[in-house]
Amino acid sequence: MIDWQDIDTVLLDMDGTLLDLHYDNFFWTQHLPRRYLDIHGGDPDLVTEHLMSRIVAEKGSLNWYCLDYWSEQLKVDIVALKREVAHLIAPHPSTKDFLNALNASHCETWLVTNAHHGSLNLKLEHTDLGQHIPKIISSHEIGIPKEDPEFWRQLQQHWHFDPDRSLLVDDTASVLDAAAIFGIRHLLTLRQPDSKQAIREALSYPAVLSFDEILPITPPTR
């Protein structure tokens, strides 16, 4: 599935790829509506429907990921509320072995995430991702979400990499689509980003359930 001889740079998504997406899904669909009701009151069904419709309306935009935006829009401290359920932040079971293998390999490893700095910092506090990945880039630094091919063009301008010799691992099809349009040659997705949801079938890109499926990382012979 992955010919490591052809890879120099590995671009890794965070939420749903290295980390279990259950934390994020639980927060936005269950914890936030419940705590919003505690703070502002209202009819539970109407409030949940209203929140979900507002959030979904921003899907794919930078606002979708921006905790400052949602804190302002909803008049709540999103980072503080996310901390209340931070015990749910967890890597996928095969993440540690995969990162260890990358660190011991010829590949340069980057974390490239849409996560806002408030969410990113919280997850770095509760995991050891920062110890394994020396280069961490948020789309908020660039001002464009990863779903836009322009993000990848600007990423390459800021931090050079060869798209033809790069692997992107991401759980979001629209991000992979944008990367493909830009020209990243090697693309991989996850079959189960959220451990509490069903395994995904019939995906548009090569997919793994566990990173063990693409190990070991063989060194180049050139």
C-alpha atoms as a PDB file:
ATOM      1  CA  MET A   1       0.000   0.000   0.000  1.00  0.00           C
ATOM      2  CA  ILE A   2       2.824   2.425   0.897  1.00  0.00           C
ATOM      3  CA  ASP A   3       6.189   2.153  -0.834  1.00  0.00           C
ATOM      4  CA  TRP A   4       8.405   3.852   1.736  1.00  0.00           C
ATOM      5  CA  GLN A   5      11.187   4.052  -0.850  1.00  0.00           C
ATOM      6  CA  ASP A   6       9.136   6.850  -2.473  1.00  0.00           C
ATOM      7  CA  ILE A   7       8.467   8.873   0.701  1.00  0.00           C
ATOM      8  CA  ASP A   8      10.613  11.638   2.189  1.00  0.00           C
ATOM      9  CA  THR A   9       7.994  13.674   4.091  1.00  0.00           C
ATOM     10  CA  VAL A  10       5.006  12.396   6.080  1.00  0.00           C
ATOM     11  CA  LEU A  11       2.227  14.912   6.706  1.00  0.00           C
ATOM     12  CA  LEU A  12      -0.034  13.769   9.533  1.00  0.00           C
ATOM     13  CA  ASP A  13      -3.458  15.009  10.525  1.00  0.00           C
ATOM     14  CA  MET A  14      -4.251  14.983  14.252  1.00  0.00           C
ATOM     15  CA  ASP A  15      -7.958  14.562  15.086  1.00  0.00           C
ATOM     16  CA  GLY A  16      -9.329  11.300  13.716  1.00  0.00           C
ATOM     17  CA  THR A  17      -5.926  10.284  12.387  1.00  0.00           C
ATOM     18  CA  LEU A  18      -3.426  10.172  15.253  1.00  0.00           C
ATOM     19  CA  LEU A  19      -6.055  10.845  17.919  1.00  0.00           C
ATOM     20  CA  ASP A  20      -9.411   9.178  18.408  1.00  0.00           C
ATOM     21  CA  LEU A  21     -12.131  11.464  17.017  1.00  0.00           C
ATOM     22  CA  HIS A  22     -14.506  10.329  19.762  1.00  0.00           C
ATOM     23  CA  TYR A  23     -13.347  13.184  21.997  1.00  0.00           C
ATOM     24  CA  ASP A  24     -14.248  15.851  19.438  1.00  0.00           C
ATOM     25  CA  ASN A  25     -17.518  14.246  18.396  1.00  0.00           C
ATOM     26  CA  PHE A  26     -18.585  13.805  22.013  1.00  0.00           C
ATOM     27  CA  PHE A  27     -17.713  17.399  22.855  1.00  0.00           C
ATOM     28  CA  TRP A  28     -19.580  19.063  19.978  1.00  0.00           C
ATOM     29  CA  THR A  29     -22.653  16.819  19.890  1.00  0.00           C
ATOM     30  CA  GLN A  30     -23.158  16.057  23.587  1.00  0.00           C
ATOM     31  CA  HIS A  31     -21.063  18.055  26.057  1.00  0.00           C
ATOM     32  CA  LEU A  32     -21.392  21.475  24.439  1.00  0.00           C
ATOM     33  CA  PRO A  33     -25.213  21.353  24.084  1.00  0.00           C
ATOM     34  CA  ARG A  34     -25.546  20.190  27.677  1.00  0.00           C
ATOM     35  CA  ARG A  35     -23.250  22.888  29.066  1.00  0.00           C
ATOM     36  CA  TYR A  36     -24.775  25.555  26.803  1.00  0.00           C
ATOM     37  CA  LEU A  37     -28.126  24.748  28.403  1.00  0.00           C
ATOM     38  CA  ASP A  38     -26.568  24.997  31.870  1.00  0.00           C
ATOM     39  CA  ILE A  39     -25.212  28.459  31.044  1.00  0.00           C
ATOM     40  CA  HIS A  40     -27.950  29.974  28.881  1.00  0.00           C
ATOM     41  CA  GLY A  41     -31.025  27.817  29.504  1.00  0.00           C
ATOM     42  CA  GLY A  42     -33.667  27.007  26.905  1.00  0.00           C
ATOM     43  CA  ASP A  43     -35.524  24.037  25.511  1.00  0.00           C
ATOM     44  CA  PRO A  44     -33.083  21.084  25.220  1.00  0.00           C
ATOM     45  CA  ASP A  45     -34.301  19.842  21.837  1.00  0.00           C
ATOM     46  CA  LEU A  46     -34.465  23.293  20.272  1.00  0.00           C
ATOM     47  CA  VAL A  47     -31.076  24.333  21.664  1.00  0.00           C
ATOM     48  CA  THR A  48     -29.352  21.186  20.383  1.00  0.00           C
ATOM     49  CA  GLU A  49     -30.943  21.549  16.946  1.00  0.00           C
ATOM     50  CA  HIS A  50     -29.980  25.236  16.819  1.00  0.00           C
ATOM     51  CA  LEU A  51     -26.378  24.578  17.849  1.00  0.00           C
ATOM     52  CA  MET A  52     -25.907  21.738  15.385  1.00  0.00           C
ATOM     53  CA  SER A  53     -27.342  23.723  12.491  1.00  0.00           C
ATOM     54  CA  ARG A  54     -25.078  26.686  13.259  1.00  0.00           C
ATOM     55  CA  ILE A  55     -21.997  24.496  13.534  1.00  0.00           C
ATOM     56  CA  VAL A  56     -22.709  22.479  10.376  1.00  0.00           C
ATOM     57  CA  ALA A  57     -23.230  25.716   8.438  1.00  0.00           C
ATOM     58  CA  GLU A  58     -19.516  26.487   8.934  1.00  0.00           C
ATOM     59  CA  LYS A  59     -18.259  23.040   7.917  1.00  0.00           C
ATOM     60  CA  GLY A  60     -15.146  23.205   5.766  1.00  0.00           C
ATOM     61  CA  SER A  61     -14.360  26.802   6.693  1.00  0.00           C
ATOM     62  CA  LEU A  62     -11.724  28.033   9.122  1.00  0.00           C
ATOM     63  CA  ASN A  63     -14.552  29.140  11.452  1.00  0.00           C
ATOM     64  CA  TRP A  64     -15.589  25.483  11.781  1.00  0.00           C
ATOM     65  CA  TYR A  65     -12.322  24.860  13.644  1.00  0.00           C
ATOM     66  CA  CYS A  66     -11.875  28.243  15.378  1.00  0.00           C
ATOM     67  CA  LEU A  67     -12.548  28.109  19.109  1.00  0.00           C
ATOM     68  CA  ASP A  68     -12.362  31.909  19.380  1.00  0.00           C
ATOM     69  CA  TYR A  69     -15.133  32.169  16.789  1.00  0.00           C
ATOM     70  CA  TRP A  70     -17.416  29.744  18.627  1.00  0.00           C
ATOM     71  CA  SER A  71     -16.681  31.266  22.023  1.00  0.00           C
ATOM     72  CA  GLU A  72     -17.789  34.645  20.655  1.00  0.00           C
ATOM     73  CA  GLN A  73     -20.775  33.324  18.728  1.00  0.00           C
ATOM     74  CA  LEU A  74     -22.129  31.156  21.542  1.00  0.00           C
ATOM     75  CA  LYS A  75     -21.037  33.333  24.488  1.00  0.00           C
ATOM     76  CA  VAL A  76     -19.276  30.447  26.243  1.00  0.00           C
ATOM     77  CA  ASP A  77     -15.618  29.639  26.949  1.00  0.00           C
ATOM     78  CA  ILE A  78     -15.103  26.775  24.513  1.00  0.00           C
ATOM     79  CA  VAL A  79     -11.561  25.970  25.686  1.00  0.00           C
ATOM     80  CA  ALA A  80     -12.711  25.775  29.320  1.00  0.00           C
ATOM     81  CA  LEU A  81     -15.575  23.481  28.336  1.00  0.00           C
ATOM     82  CA  LYS A  82     -13.243  21.293  26.293  1.00  0.00           C
ATOM     83  CA  ARG A  83     -11.007  20.923  29.339  1.00  0.00           C
ATOM     84  CA  GLU A  84     -13.944  19.485  31.278  1.00  0.00           C
ATOM     85  CA  VAL A  85     -13.854  16.340  29.125  1.00  0.00           C
ATOM     86  CA  ALA A  86     -10.117  16.307  28.326  1.00  0.00           C
ATOM     87  CA  HIS A  87      -9.843  12.851  29.908  1.00  0.00           C
ATOM     88  CA  LEU A  88     -11.375  11.537  26.667  1.00  0.00           C
ATOM     89  CA  ILE A  89      -8.404  12.707  24.571  1.00  0.00           C
ATOM     90  CA  ALA A  90      -6.600   9.566  23.437  1.00  0.00           C
ATOM     91  CA  PRO A  91      -4.347   8.402  20.595  1.00  0.00           C
ATOM     92  CA  HIS A  92      -5.433   5.537  18.416  1.00  0.00           C
ATOM     93  CA  PRO A  93      -3.858   2.284  19.700  1.00  0.00           C
ATOM     94  CA  SER A  94      -1.340   2.038  16.853  1.00  0.00           C
ATOM     95  CA  THR A  95      -0.288   5.711  16.894  1.00  0.00           C
ATOM     96  CA  LYS A  96       2.675   5.354  19.260  1.00  0.00           C
ATOM     97  CA  ASP A  97       4.312   2.521  17.331  1.00  0.00           C
ATOM     98  CA  PHE A  98       3.781   4.397  14.062  1.00  0.00           C
ATOM     99  CA  LEU A  99       5.377   7.592  15.373  1.00  0.00           C
ATOM    100  CA  ASN A 100       8.283   5.637  16.865  1.00  0.00           C
ATOM    101  CA  ALA A 101       8.839   3.970  13.493  1.00  0.00           C
ATOM    102  CA  LEU A 102       8.744   7.333  11.721  1.00  0.00           C
ATOM    103  CA  ASN A 103      11.224   8.814  14.189  1.00  0.00           C
ATOM    104  CA  ALA A 104      13.628   5.957  13.505  1.00  0.00           C
ATOM    105  CA  SER A 105      13.190   6.232   9.747  1.00  0.00           C
ATOM    106  CA  HIS A 106      14.551   8.403   6.944  1.00  0.00           C
ATOM    107  CA  CYS A 107      11.272  10.356   6.787  1.00  0.00           C
ATOM    108  CA  GLU A 108      10.655  13.882   8.006  1.00  0.00           C
ATOM    109  CA  THR A 109       7.411  13.966  10.011  1.00  0.00           C
ATOM    110  CA  TRP A 110       5.070  16.973  10.233  1.00  0.00           C
ATOM    111  CA  LEU A 111       1.799  17.423  12.089  1.00  0.00           C
ATOM    112  CA  VAL A 112      -0.502  19.447   9.813  1.00  0.00           C
ATOM    113  CA  THR A 113      -3.827  20.171  11.492  1.00  0.00           C
ATOM    114  CA  ASN A 114      -6.877  22.368  11.194  1.00  0.00           C
ATOM    115  CA  ALA A 115      -7.076  22.484  14.978  1.00  0.00           C
ATOM    116  CA  HIS A 116      -7.228  25.937  16.529  1.00  0.00           C
ATOM    117  CA  HIS A 117      -4.357  26.705  18.909  1.00  0.00           C
ATOM    118  CA  GLY A 118      -6.656  26.310  21.929  1.00  0.00           C
ATOM    119  CA  SER A 119      -7.530  22.764  20.922  1.00  0.00           C
ATOM    120  CA  LEU A 120      -4.033  21.949  19.689  1.00  0.00           C
ATOM    121  CA  ASN A 121      -2.391  23.060  22.936  1.00  0.00           C
ATOM    122  CA  LEU A 122      -4.886  21.081  25.007  1.00  0.00           C
ATOM    123  CA  LYS A 123      -4.177  17.918  23.050  1.00  0.00           C
ATOM    124  CA  LEU A 124      -0.430  18.414  23.244  1.00  0.00           C
ATOM    125  CA  GLU A 125      -0.836  18.704  27.031  1.00  0.00           C
ATOM    126  CA  HIS A 126      -2.696  15.405  27.229  1.00  0.00           C
ATOM    127  CA  THR A 127      -0.630  13.373  24.751  1.00  0.00           C
ATOM    128  CA  ASP A 128       3.025  12.974  23.845  1.00  0.00           C
ATOM    129  CA  LEU A 129       2.589  13.995  20.195  1.00  0.00           C
ATOM    130  CA  GLY A 130       4.882  16.971  20.693  1.00  0.00           C
ATOM    131  CA  GLN A 131       7.699  14.651  21.782  1.00  0.00           C
ATOM    132  CA  HIS A 132       7.460  12.651  18.556  1.00  0.00           C
ATOM    133  CA  ILE A 133       6.737  15.336  15.950  1.00  0.00           C
ATOM    134  CA  PRO A 134       9.165  18.266  15.721  1.00  0.00           C
ATOM    135  CA  LYS A 135       7.215  20.316  13.145  1.00  0.00           C
ATOM    136  CA  ILE A 136       3.626  21.231  14.071  1.00  0.00           C
ATOM    137  CA  ILE A 137       1.605  23.470  11.758  1.00  0.00           C
ATOM    138  CA  SER A 138      -1.969  24.691  12.205  1.00  0.00           C
ATOM    139  CA  SER A 139      -3.989  25.967   9.279  1.00  0.00           C
ATOM    140  CA  HIS A 140      -4.816  28.995  11.452  1.00  0.00           C
ATOM    141  CA  GLU A 141      -1.199  30.125  10.966  1.00  0.00           C
ATOM    142  CA  ILE A 142      -1.818  30.235   7.229  1.00  0.00           C
ATOM    143  CA  GLY A 143      -5.400  31.475   7.408  1.00  0.00           C
ATOM    144  CA  ILE A 144      -6.840  28.834   5.064  1.00  0.00           C
ATOM    145  CA  PRO A 145      -8.307  25.421   5.957  1.00  0.00           C
ATOM    146  CA  LYS A 146      -6.762  22.231   4.624  1.00  0.00           C
ATOM    147  CA  GLU A 147      -9.894  21.668   2.520  1.00  0.00           C
ATOM    148  CA  ASP A 148      -8.629  24.376   0.144  1.00  0.00           C
ATOM    149  CA  PRO A 149      -5.845  23.482  -2.352  1.00  0.00           C
ATOM    150  CA  GLU A 150      -4.403  26.946  -1.707  1.00  0.00           C
ATOM    151  CA  PHE A 151      -3.529  25.814   1.824  1.00  0.00           C
ATOM    152  CA  TRP A 152      -1.152  23.199   0.439  1.00  0.00           C
ATOM    153  CA  ARG A 153       0.426  25.669  -1.975  1.00  0.00           C
ATOM    154  CA  GLN A 154       1.095  28.118   0.849  1.00  0.00           C
ATOM    155  CA  LEU A 155       2.318  25.352   3.144  1.00  0.00           C
ATOM    156  CA  GLN A 156       4.916  24.409   0.552  1.00  0.00           C
ATOM    157  CA  GLN A 157       5.961  28.044   0.144  1.00  0.00           C
ATOM    158  CA  HIS A 158       6.482  28.433   3.906  1.00  0.00           C
ATOM    159  CA  TRP A 159       8.047  25.009   4.574  1.00  0.00           C
ATOM    160  CA  HIS A 160       9.396  23.297   1.482  1.00  0.00           C
ATOM    161  CA  PHE A 161       8.483  19.705   0.712  1.00  0.00           C
ATOM    162  CA  ASP A 162       8.264  17.688  -2.479  1.00  0.00           C
ATOM    163  CA  PRO A 163       4.598  16.778  -3.121  1.00  0.00           C
ATOM    164  CA  ASP A 164       5.670  13.876  -5.321  1.00  0.00           C
ATOM    165  CA  ARG A 165       7.635  12.340  -2.435  1.00  0.00           C
ATOM    166  CA  SER A 166       5.194  13.152   0.361  1.00  0.00           C
ATOM    167  CA  LEU A 167       2.556  11.080   2.134  1.00  0.00           C
ATOM    168  CA  LEU A 168      -0.532  12.732   3.650  1.00  0.00           C
ATOM    169  CA  VAL A 169      -2.540  10.746   6.196  1.00  0.00           C
ATOM    170  CA  ASP A 170      -5.921  12.359   6.962  1.00  0.00           C
ATOM    171  CA  ASP A 171      -9.388  11.116   7.873  1.00  0.00           C
ATOM    172  CA  THR A 172     -11.277  13.807   5.901  1.00  0.00           C
ATOM    173  CA  ALA A 173     -12.015  13.175   2.222  1.00  0.00           C
ATOM    174  CA  SER A 174     -12.299  16.869   1.316  1.00  0.00           C
ATOM    175  CA  VAL A 175      -8.812  17.476   2.727  1.00  0.00           C
ATOM    176  CA  LEU A 176      -7.415  14.574   0.726  1.00  0.00           C
ATOM    177  CA  ASP A 177      -9.202  15.897  -2.365  1.00  0.00           C
ATOM    178  CA  ALA A 178      -7.573  19.318  -1.938  1.00  0.00           C
ATOM    179  CA  ALA A 179      -4.151  17.740  -1.403  1.00  0.00           C
ATOM    180  CA  ALA A 180      -4.614  15.615  -4.522  1.00  0.00           C
ATOM    181  CA  ILE A 181      -5.528  18.691  -6.579  1.00  0.00           C
ATOM    182  CA  PHE A 182      -2.394  20.404  -5.297  1.00  0.00           C
ATOM    183  CA  GLY A 183      -0.305  17.392  -6.289  1.00  0.00           C
ATOM    184  CA  ILE A 184       0.512  15.369  -3.172  1.00  0.00           C
ATOM    185  CA  ARG A 185       1.091  11.948  -4.638  1.00  0.00           C
ATOM    186  CA  HIS A 186       0.663   9.566  -1.699  1.00  0.00           C
ATOM    187  CA  LEU A 187      -2.655   9.756   0.170  1.00  0.00           C
ATOM    188  CA  LEU A 188      -3.976   7.550   2.956  1.00  0.00           C
ATOM    189  CA  THR A 189      -7.056   7.669   5.163  1.00  0.00           C
ATOM    190  CA  LEU A 190      -8.430   5.918   8.249  1.00  0.00           C
ATOM    191  CA  ARG A 191     -11.246   3.399   8.291  1.00  0.00           C
ATOM    192  CA  GLN A 192     -12.335   4.228  11.862  1.00  0.00           C
ATOM    193  CA  PRO A 193     -11.503   7.800  12.929  1.00  0.00           C
ATOM    194  CA  ASP A 194     -13.940   7.563  15.878  1.00  0.00           C
ATOM    195  CA  SER A 195     -13.555   4.336  17.861  1.00  0.00           C
ATOM    196  CA  LYS A 196     -17.198   4.528  18.957  1.00  0.00           C
ATOM    197  CA  GLN A 197     -18.538   4.668  15.407  1.00  0.00           C
ATOM    198  CA  ALA A 198     -18.720   2.026  12.689  1.00  0.00           C
ATOM    199  CA  ILE A 199     -15.753   1.159  10.488  1.00  0.00           C
ATOM    200  CA  ARG A 200     -16.023   3.069   7.221  1.00  0.00           C
ATOM    201  CA  GLU A 201     -16.287   1.110   3.981  1.00  0.00           C
ATOM    202  CA  ALA A 202     -15.975   1.990   0.263  1.00  0.00           C
ATOM    203  CA  LEU A 203     -13.655   4.941   0.838  1.00  0.00           C
ATOM    204  CA  SER A 204     -12.248   7.016  -2.015  1.00  0.00           C
ATOM    205  CA  TYR A 205      -8.624   6.657  -0.897  1.00  0.00           C
ATOM    206  CA  PRO A 206      -6.447   3.785   0.342  1.00  0.00           C
ATOM    207  CA  ALA A 207      -7.352   3.199   3.976  1.00  0.00           C
ATOM    208  CA  VAL A 208      -6.110   1.388   7.065  1.00  0.00           C
ATOM    209  CA  LEU A 209      -7.756   0.384  10.305  1.00  0.00           C
ATOM    210  CA  SER A 210      -4.395   0.360  12.083  1.00  0.00           C
ATOM    211  CA  PHE A 211      -1.037   1.916  11.276  1.00  0.00           C
ATOM    212  CA  ASP A 212       0.458  -1.527  11.804  1.00  0.00           C
ATOM    213  CA  GLU A 213      -0.767  -2.286   8.279  1.00  0.00           C
ATOM    214  CA  ILE A 214       1.860   0.057   6.792  1.00  0.00           C
ATOM    215  CA  LEU A 215       4.791  -0.958   9.003  1.00  0.00           C
ATOM    216  CA  PRO A 216       7.698  -1.531   8.924  1.00  0.00           C
ATOM    217  CA  ILE A 217       9.124   1.538   7.233  1.00  0.00           C
ATOM    218  CA  THR A 218      11.796   0.314   4.855  1.00  0.00           C
ATOM    219  CA  PRO A 219      14.751   2.658   4.264  1.00  0.00           C
ATOM    220  CA  PRO A 220      15.497   3.850   0.725  1.00  0.00           C
ATOM    221  CA  THR A 221      18.125   1.972  -1.248  1.00  0.00           C
ATOM    222  CA  ARG A 222      19.104   4.976  -3.352  1.00  0.00           C
END
